[in-house]
Amino acid sequence: MDARTRICARLLLLFTAGSLFSCQTVHEYNKMYLNDAEMVLNARKVQKTELNFLLYREGASGANGGKTGGGCGCN
């Protein structure tokens, strides 16, 4: 076995060991946390800008999409 083959074998062994030990078992009682809101990716900046634009255009809701009202400006 030449030096190049030994290096490749060691790298393969290292990669395999790293792959096997990086996995972790999720207990049944922890699986409910996998679908938390914190796990959802944030909306892209373009989507936020588009939503903000639509809310301004409609004029019946707050600027950030939070508090909504009847469009009279009193809310």
C-alpha atoms as a PDB file:
ATOM      1  CA  MET A   1       0.000   0.000   0.000  1.00  0.00           C
ATOM      2  CA  ASP A   2       1.570   3.264  -1.040  1.00  0.00           C
ATOM      3  CA  ALA A   3       1.426   6.544   0.863  1.00  0.00           C
ATOM      4  CA  ARG A   4      -1.308   8.034  -1.303  1.00  0.00           C
ATOM      5  CA  THR A   5      -3.627   5.097  -0.717  1.00  0.00           C
ATOM      6  CA  ARG A   6      -2.990   5.235   3.031  1.00  0.00           C
ATOM      7  CA  ILE A   7      -3.852   8.933   3.122  1.00  0.00           C
ATOM      8  CA  CYS A   8      -7.060   8.307   1.172  1.00  0.00           C
ATOM      9  CA  ALA A   9      -7.974   5.428   3.476  1.00  0.00           C
ATOM     10  CA  ARG A  10      -7.382   7.578   6.558  1.00  0.00           C
ATOM     11  CA  LEU A  11      -9.440  10.426   5.120  1.00  0.00           C
ATOM     12  CA  LEU A  12     -12.243   8.020   4.301  1.00  0.00           C
ATOM     13  CA  LEU A  13     -12.085   6.571   7.804  1.00  0.00           C
ATOM     14  CA  LEU A  14     -12.094  10.057   9.316  1.00  0.00           C
ATOM     15  CA  PHE A  15     -15.052  11.118   7.162  1.00  0.00           C
ATOM     16  CA  THR A  16     -16.993   7.964   8.015  1.00  0.00           C
ATOM     17  CA  ALA A  17     -16.317   8.346  11.737  1.00  0.00           C
ATOM     18  CA  GLY A  18     -17.334  12.009  11.614  1.00  0.00           C
ATOM     19  CA  SER A  19     -20.537  11.152   9.786  1.00  0.00           C
ATOM     20  CA  LEU A  20     -21.477   8.428  12.229  1.00  0.00           C
ATOM     21  CA  PHE A  21     -20.765  10.406  15.375  1.00  0.00           C
ATOM     22  CA  SER A  22     -22.455  13.598  14.170  1.00  0.00           C
ATOM     23  CA  CYS A  23     -25.902  11.989  14.163  1.00  0.00           C
ATOM     24  CA  GLN A  24     -28.012  12.379  17.236  1.00  0.00           C
ATOM     25  CA  THR A  25     -31.183  10.619  18.207  1.00  0.00           C
ATOM     26  CA  VAL A  26     -34.204  12.829  18.856  1.00  0.00           C
ATOM     27  CA  HIS A  27     -36.370  11.552  21.646  1.00  0.00           C
ATOM     28  CA  GLU A  28     -40.117  11.337  21.105  1.00  0.00           C
ATOM     29  CA  TYR A  29     -40.815  14.027  23.682  1.00  0.00           C
ATOM     30  CA  ASN A  30     -38.401  16.416  21.920  1.00  0.00           C
ATOM     31  CA  LYS A  31     -39.873  16.000  18.452  1.00  0.00           C
ATOM     32  CA  MET A  32     -42.576  18.525  19.214  1.00  0.00           C
ATOM     33  CA  TYR A  33     -39.873  21.209  19.237  1.00  0.00           C
ATOM     34  CA  LEU A  34     -38.830  20.482  15.664  1.00  0.00           C
ATOM     35  CA  ASN A  35     -41.821  22.374  14.279  1.00  0.00           C
ATOM     36  CA  ASP A  36     -41.444  25.447  16.463  1.00  0.00           C
ATOM     37  CA  ALA A  37     -41.750  28.880  14.949  1.00  0.00           C
ATOM     38  CA  GLU A  38     -38.054  29.429  15.619  1.00  0.00           C
ATOM     39  CA  MET A  39     -37.255  26.646  13.181  1.00  0.00           C
ATOM     40  CA  VAL A  40     -39.018  28.386  10.283  1.00  0.00           C
ATOM     41  CA  LEU A  41     -36.798  30.392   7.996  1.00  0.00           C
ATOM     42  CA  ASN A  42     -37.357  34.115   8.053  1.00  0.00           C
ATOM     43  CA  ALA A  43     -39.044  35.784   5.148  1.00  0.00           C
ATOM     44  CA  ARG A  44     -36.689  37.265   2.654  1.00  0.00           C
ATOM     45  CA  LYS A  45     -36.173  40.993   2.622  1.00  0.00           C
ATOM     46  CA  VAL A  46     -37.941  41.241  -0.731  1.00  0.00           C
ATOM     47  CA  GLN A  47     -40.987  39.488   0.691  1.00  0.00           C
ATOM     48  CA  LYS A  48     -41.002  41.799   3.705  1.00  0.00           C
ATOM     49  CA  THR A  49     -40.773  44.846   1.437  1.00  0.00           C
ATOM     50  CA  GLU A  50     -43.580  43.558  -0.757  1.00  0.00           C
ATOM     51  CA  LEU A  51     -45.784  42.886   2.266  1.00  0.00           C
ATOM     52  CA  ASN A  52     -45.042  46.341   3.638  1.00  0.00           C
ATOM     53  CA  PHE A  53     -45.896  47.893   0.261  1.00  0.00           C
ATOM     54  CA  LEU A  54     -49.178  46.017   0.073  1.00  0.00           C
ATOM     55  CA  LEU A  55     -50.113  47.083   3.573  1.00  0.00           C
ATOM     56  CA  TYR A  56     -49.385  50.733   2.780  1.00  0.00           C
ATOM     57  CA  ARG A  57     -51.343  50.516  -0.448  1.00  0.00           C
ATOM     58  CA  GLU A  58     -54.384  49.027   1.192  1.00  0.00           C
ATOM     59  CA  GLY A  59     -54.302  51.643   3.904  1.00  0.00           C
ATOM     60  CA  ALA A  60     -56.485  49.575   6.181  1.00  0.00           C
ATOM     61  CA  SER A  61     -53.755  48.182   8.334  1.00  0.00           C
ATOM     62  CA  GLY A  62     -50.716  49.222  10.260  1.00  0.00           C
ATOM     63  CA  ALA A  63     -47.404  49.773   8.551  1.00  0.00           C
ATOM     64  CA  ASN A  64     -45.792  46.660   9.897  1.00  0.00           C
ATOM     65  CA  GLY A  65     -48.780  44.396   9.488  1.00  0.00           C
ATOM     66  CA  GLY A  66     -49.396  44.215  13.199  1.00  0.00           C
ATOM     67  CA  LYS A  67     -52.330  46.277  14.304  1.00  0.00           C
ATOM     68  CA  THR A  68     -55.120  46.542  11.830  1.00  0.00           C
ATOM     69  CA  GLY A  69     -58.034  48.877  11.752  1.00  0.00           C
ATOM     70  CA  GLY A  70     -60.812  50.186   9.627  1.00  0.00           C
ATOM     71  CA  GLY A  71     -58.701  52.578   7.584  1.00  0.00           C
ATOM     72  CA  CYS A  72     -59.945  55.719   9.306  1.00  0.00           C
ATOM     73  CA  GLY A  73     -56.572  56.397  10.903  1.00  0.00           C
ATOM     74  CA  CYS A  74     -57.907  56.137  14.421  1.00  0.00           C
ATOM     75  CA  ASN A  75     -56.240  52.803  15.198  1.00  0.00           C
END
